[in-house]
Amino acid sequence: MFVVLKRKNILFYGVAIVLIAVLVTLISTSSVAGVFFGKTSRKIPVYSVSVAEEDKVIALTFDAAWGADKTLKIIEILKEYDANATFFLVGFWIDKYPEETKAIASAGFDIGNHSENHLNMPRLSREKIVEEIQSVNKKVYDLTGKTPTHFRAPFGDYDNSLMTALEDLGMVGVQWSIDSLDWKWLSAKDIVARIVPKAKSGDIVLFHNNSDHVLDALPLVLEALKNKGFKFVALSQMVLTDNYTVDSQGVQRKND
């Protein structure tokens, strides 16, 4: 009797070990294939783009939701350094500052969509998500004749519902790989220290158009990166809109 129970125990533990091994394999495989137990893994927006390091391209982006006192000066500084850029605009900001919106477009910069009301998008219904996006697209088109192709989620918060809606609208979700943290009232020196040492080709840098020290920091960042050989491009010059994949780190790569 003792021998039989022992064999049953051995059999039980053996089966348990095999099951654990199978689970580990499935989990490992799912992280690569993007599927786990039949469920699609999280869709990821673009944080940076895989480009040759020798290309030395970097995309500066400015989120605009509150205030516009510094927007025209930002445009002036960018022009002075022959730097292209992208401005992500909220719908109610466009309503309040239509002339600044037109000035951004007239200067040749990209305008991205930052939602109509700067809400937490994952908390919205699919219908409301589409409404938030399309409303801004229409406002930008009515003022500039161009429709945004890039979307940045307020608070950087996204989910599969938002990403799927963007795909259906023919748009690309874009985050950032370097955060200036200018909204935290950092000094110009601290902002430069957050960006310049870590900058690499294909990075997307986040600024805010009305942060306290953006006008002091921006020339310093542009000068330092220019001295390193960087060229400043709009997202439309770097981010692909079709035939691409985004890996688990948010790096966009062109499909072979």
Protein backbone atom coordinates (compact mmCIF):
# COMPACT_ATOMS: atom_id res chain seq x y z
CA MET A 1 0.00 0.00 0.00
CA PHE A 2 2.82 2.36 0.93
CA VAL A 3 4.55 1.74 -2.41
CA VAL A 4 1.35 2.44 -4.37
CA LEU A 5 0.80 5.79 -2.63
CA LYS A 6 4.38 6.76 -3.23
CA ARG A 7 4.08 6.00 -6.91
CA LYS A 8 0.87 8.09 -7.09
CA ASN A 9 2.69 10.97 -5.46
CA ILE A 10 5.55 10.66 -7.91
CA LEU A 11 3.09 10.58 -10.79
CA PHE A 12 1.24 13.65 -9.45
CA TYR A 13 4.38 15.72 -9.07
CA GLY A 14 5.62 14.60 -12.44
CA VAL A 15 2.43 15.75 -14.13
CA ALA A 16 2.57 19.06 -12.24
CA ILE A 17 6.12 19.70 -13.44
CA VAL A 18 5.14 18.98 -17.03
CA LEU A 19 2.16 21.36 -16.80
CA ILE A 20 4.33 24.12 -15.36
CA ALA A 21 6.84 23.65 -18.18
CA VAL A 22 4.05 23.87 -20.75
CA LEU A 23 2.71 27.07 -19.17
CA VAL A 24 6.15 28.67 -19.15
CA THR A 25 6.58 27.78 -22.82
CA LEU A 26 3.20 29.24 -23.72
CA ILE A 27 3.89 32.46 -21.87
CA SER A 28 7.30 32.77 -23.48
CA THR A 29 5.87 32.13 -26.91
CA SER A 30 3.01 34.59 -26.37
CA SER A 31 5.39 37.45 -25.66
CA VAL A 32 6.97 36.92 -29.04
CA ALA A 33 3.95 36.01 -31.11
CA GLY A 34 1.62 38.51 -29.43
CA VAL A 35 -0.97 35.93 -28.46
CA PHE A 36 -1.68 34.22 -25.13
CA PHE A 37 -4.45 31.64 -24.80
CA GLY A 38 -6.12 33.04 -27.91
CA LYS A 39 -6.20 36.67 -26.73
CA THR A 40 -4.48 39.40 -28.75
CA SER A 41 -1.71 41.15 -26.83
CA ARG A 42 -1.75 44.87 -26.19
CA LYS A 43 -1.33 47.06 -29.25
CA ILE A 44 1.48 49.54 -28.78
CA PRO A 45 1.82 53.06 -30.25
CA VAL A 46 5.06 54.39 -31.72
CA TYR A 47 7.57 55.58 -29.12
CA SER A 48 10.54 55.81 -31.49
CA VAL A 49 11.49 54.76 -35.01
CA SER A 50 14.21 52.36 -36.09
CA VAL A 51 16.44 54.40 -38.38
CA ALA A 52 20.16 54.22 -39.09
CA GLU A 53 22.17 55.94 -36.37
CA GLU A 54 24.16 57.76 -39.02
CA ASP A 55 20.94 59.35 -40.30
CA LYS A 56 20.89 61.45 -37.12
CA VAL A 57 17.20 62.38 -37.30
CA ILE A 58 15.11 63.28 -34.28
CA ALA A 59 11.51 64.48 -33.95
CA LEU A 60 10.60 67.31 -31.58
CA THR A 61 6.93 67.41 -30.57
CA PHE A 62 4.90 69.97 -28.63
CA ASP A 63 1.61 69.19 -26.90
CA ALA A 64 -0.79 72.14 -26.76
CA ALA A 65 -3.77 72.01 -24.43
CA TRP A 66 -3.64 75.09 -22.21
CA GLY A 67 -2.24 78.49 -23.07
CA ALA A 68 -0.55 79.81 -26.20
CA ASP A 69 1.58 82.72 -24.99
CA LYS A 70 4.81 81.08 -26.17
CA THR A 71 3.65 79.31 -29.32
CA LEU A 72 4.66 81.98 -31.85
CA LYS A 73 8.06 82.35 -30.20
CA ILE A 74 8.56 78.57 -30.36
CA ILE A 75 7.85 78.73 -34.09
CA GLU A 76 10.38 81.56 -34.43
CA ILE A 77 13.08 79.63 -32.56
CA LEU A 78 12.49 76.48 -34.60
CA LYS A 79 12.76 78.48 -37.83
CA GLU A 80 15.97 80.10 -36.62
CA TYR A 81 17.56 76.67 -36.25
CA ASP A 82 16.01 75.30 -39.45
CA ALA A 83 14.22 72.71 -37.34
CA ASN A 84 11.01 70.97 -38.28
CA ALA A 85 8.59 69.79 -35.58
CA THR A 86 5.10 68.50 -34.82
CA PHE A 87 2.44 70.15 -32.65
CA PHE A 88 -0.26 67.98 -31.05
CA LEU A 89 -3.34 70.16 -30.58
CA VAL A 90 -6.41 69.66 -28.40
CA GLY A 91 -9.76 70.63 -29.90
CA PHE A 92 -10.67 73.27 -27.33
CA TRP A 93 -7.19 74.80 -27.78
CA ILE A 94 -7.84 75.11 -31.51
CA ASP A 95 -11.17 76.81 -30.77
CA LYS A 96 -9.46 79.35 -28.53
CA TYR A 97 -6.37 79.87 -30.68
CA PRO A 98 -7.29 79.50 -34.36
CA GLU A 99 -4.66 82.03 -35.47
CA GLU A 100 -1.89 80.13 -33.70
CA THR A 101 -3.16 76.92 -35.27
CA LYS A 102 -2.94 78.47 -38.72
CA ALA A 103 0.50 79.91 -37.90
CA ILE A 104 1.81 76.44 -37.04
CA ALA A 105 0.58 75.06 -40.35
CA SER A 106 1.77 78.09 -42.35
CA ALA A 107 5.26 77.64 -40.90
CA GLY A 108 5.30 74.14 -42.40
CA PHE A 109 5.03 72.15 -39.19
CA ASP A 110 2.92 69.02 -38.77
CA ILE A 111 -0.24 69.22 -36.69
CA GLY A 112 -1.13 66.10 -34.76
CA ASN A 113 -4.39 65.22 -33.01
CA HIS A 114 -4.42 65.37 -29.20
CA SER A 115 -8.18 64.71 -28.77
CA GLU A 116 -11.08 67.14 -28.50
CA ASN A 117 -11.36 67.43 -24.70
CA HIS A 118 -8.10 65.95 -23.31
CA LEU A 119 -9.93 63.10 -21.63
CA ASN A 120 -8.64 59.72 -20.49
CA MET A 121 -9.36 57.85 -23.73
CA PRO A 122 -9.47 54.26 -22.37
CA ARG A 123 -12.41 55.26 -20.18
CA LEU A 124 -14.49 56.25 -23.20
CA SER A 125 -16.77 54.17 -25.38
CA ARG A 126 -15.65 53.31 -28.91
CA GLU A 127 -18.19 55.83 -30.25
CA LYS A 128 -16.86 58.62 -28.01
CA ILE A 129 -13.24 57.82 -28.89
CA VAL A 130 -13.97 58.21 -32.60
CA GLU A 131 -15.91 61.42 -31.92
CA GLU A 132 -12.99 62.89 -29.94
CA ILE A 133 -10.59 62.16 -32.81
CA GLN A 134 -12.73 63.11 -35.77
CA SER A 135 -13.77 66.40 -34.21
CA VAL A 136 -10.15 67.59 -34.07
CA ASN A 137 -9.39 66.28 -37.55
CA LYS A 138 -12.24 68.38 -38.92
CA LYS A 139 -11.19 71.51 -37.05
CA VAL A 140 -7.61 71.22 -38.29
CA TYR A 141 -8.77 70.60 -41.85
CA ASP A 142 -11.16 73.55 -41.80
CA LEU A 143 -8.36 75.89 -40.68
CA THR A 144 -5.39 74.48 -42.58
CA GLY A 145 -6.66 72.24 -45.37
CA LYS A 146 -4.76 69.28 -43.93
CA THR A 147 -6.00 66.33 -41.88
CA PRO A 148 -3.82 65.01 -39.02
CA THR A 149 -2.41 61.51 -39.45
CA HIS A 150 -0.84 61.17 -35.99
CA PHE A 151 -2.61 60.95 -32.65
CA ARG A 152 -1.21 61.34 -29.14
CA ALA A 153 -3.35 60.17 -26.26
CA PRO A 154 -3.86 62.62 -23.39
CA PHE A 155 -1.76 61.61 -20.37
CA GLY A 156 -0.06 59.06 -22.66
CA ASP A 157 -2.85 56.66 -21.75
CA TYR A 158 -4.07 54.24 -24.43
CA ASP A 159 -5.63 50.81 -24.84
CA ASN A 160 -6.51 48.42 -27.65
CA SER A 161 -9.87 50.07 -28.26
CA LEU A 162 -8.17 53.40 -28.96
CA MET A 163 -5.45 51.80 -31.09
CA THR A 164 -8.01 49.89 -33.15
CA ALA A 165 -10.04 53.06 -33.69
CA LEU A 166 -6.91 54.83 -34.94
CA GLU A 167 -6.16 51.97 -37.32
CA ASP A 168 -9.70 52.15 -38.69
CA LEU A 169 -9.30 55.91 -39.21
CA GLY A 170 -5.98 55.43 -41.00
CA MET A 171 -4.03 57.17 -38.23
CA VAL A 172 -0.94 56.28 -36.20
CA GLY A 173 -0.71 56.48 -32.41
CA VAL A 174 2.48 58.24 -31.29
CA GLN A 175 3.98 58.57 -27.83
CA TRP A 176 7.56 59.64 -27.07
CA SER A 177 10.92 58.11 -26.17
CA ILE A 178 12.33 61.18 -24.38
CA ASP A 179 10.20 63.24 -21.99
CA SER A 180 11.55 66.72 -21.28
CA LEU A 181 9.36 66.90 -18.15
CA ASP A 182 9.12 70.63 -18.88
CA TRP A 183 5.63 70.61 -17.32
CA LYS A 184 7.24 69.91 -13.94
CA TRP A 185 8.76 73.42 -13.91
CA LEU A 186 12.27 72.10 -14.53
CA SER A 187 14.93 74.69 -15.28
CA ALA A 188 16.28 75.06 -18.81
CA LYS A 189 19.51 73.41 -17.69
CA ASP A 190 17.64 70.41 -16.27
CA ILE A 191 15.55 70.04 -19.44
CA VAL A 192 18.69 70.03 -21.58
CA ALA A 193 20.24 67.41 -19.29
CA ARG A 194 17.21 65.16 -19.76
CA ILE A 195 17.35 65.30 -23.56
CA VAL A 196 20.79 65.86 -25.02
CA PRO A 197 22.91 63.10 -23.40
CA LYS A 198 20.45 60.30 -24.25
CA ALA A 199 19.28 61.48 -27.69
CA LYS A 200 19.70 59.01 -30.55
CA SER A 201 18.53 58.77 -34.11
CA GLY A 202 14.81 57.95 -34.33
CA ASP A 203 13.88 59.43 -30.95
CA ILE A 204 10.67 61.37 -30.38
CA VAL A 205 10.97 64.18 -27.82
CA LEU A 206 8.04 65.53 -25.81
CA PHE A 207 7.71 69.23 -24.99
CA HIS A 208 4.70 71.36 -24.05
CA ASN A 209 4.02 74.60 -25.87
CA ASN A 210 3.36 76.68 -22.77
CA SER A 211 5.64 75.21 -20.11
CA ASP A 212 7.52 77.63 -17.88
CA HIS A 213 11.02 77.30 -19.34
CA VAL A 214 10.44 75.95 -22.83
CA LEU A 215 11.63 79.19 -24.48
CA ASP A 216 14.87 79.11 -22.49
CA ALA A 217 15.48 75.39 -22.98
CA LEU A 218 14.57 75.00 -26.65
CA PRO A 219 17.49 77.01 -28.15
CA LEU A 220 19.93 75.17 -25.89
CA VAL A 221 18.56 71.78 -26.93
CA LEU A 222 18.57 72.69 -30.62
CA GLU A 223 22.12 74.05 -30.47
CA ALA A 224 23.50 71.06 -28.56
CA LEU A 225 21.83 68.46 -30.78
CA LYS A 226 22.75 70.33 -33.94
CA ASN A 227 26.39 70.30 -32.80
CA LYS A 228 26.06 66.53 -32.51
CA GLY A 229 24.94 66.35 -36.13
CA PHE A 230 21.20 65.85 -35.57
CA LYS A 231 18.56 66.96 -38.05
CA PHE A 232 15.10 67.88 -36.74
CA VAL A 233 12.20 66.34 -38.65
CA ALA A 234 8.43 66.34 -38.45
CA LEU A 235 6.73 63.05 -37.61
CA SER A 236 5.52 62.77 -41.20
CA GLN A 237 9.16 62.61 -42.25
CA MET A 238 10.05 59.80 -39.88
CA VAL A 239 7.02 57.81 -38.69
CA LEU A 240 5.65 55.26 -41.15
CA THR A 241 1.92 55.14 -41.80
CA ASP A 242 1.77 51.69 -43.42
CA ASN A 243 3.73 48.46 -43.86
CA TYR A 244 5.28 48.58 -40.40
CA THR A 245 5.39 46.77 -37.07
CA VAL A 246 5.87 48.13 -33.56
CA ASP A 247 7.81 45.90 -31.17
CA SER A 248 7.21 45.45 -27.44
CA GLN A 249 9.46 48.44 -26.70
CA GLY A 250 7.43 50.73 -28.95
CA VAL A 251 10.05 50.87 -31.71
CA GLN A 252 8.51 51.15 -35.17
CA ARG A 253 10.20 49.16 -37.94
CA LYS A 254 9.49 48.93 -41.63
CA ASN A 255 8.38 45.48 -42.74
CA ASP A 256 10.74 43.65 -45.10
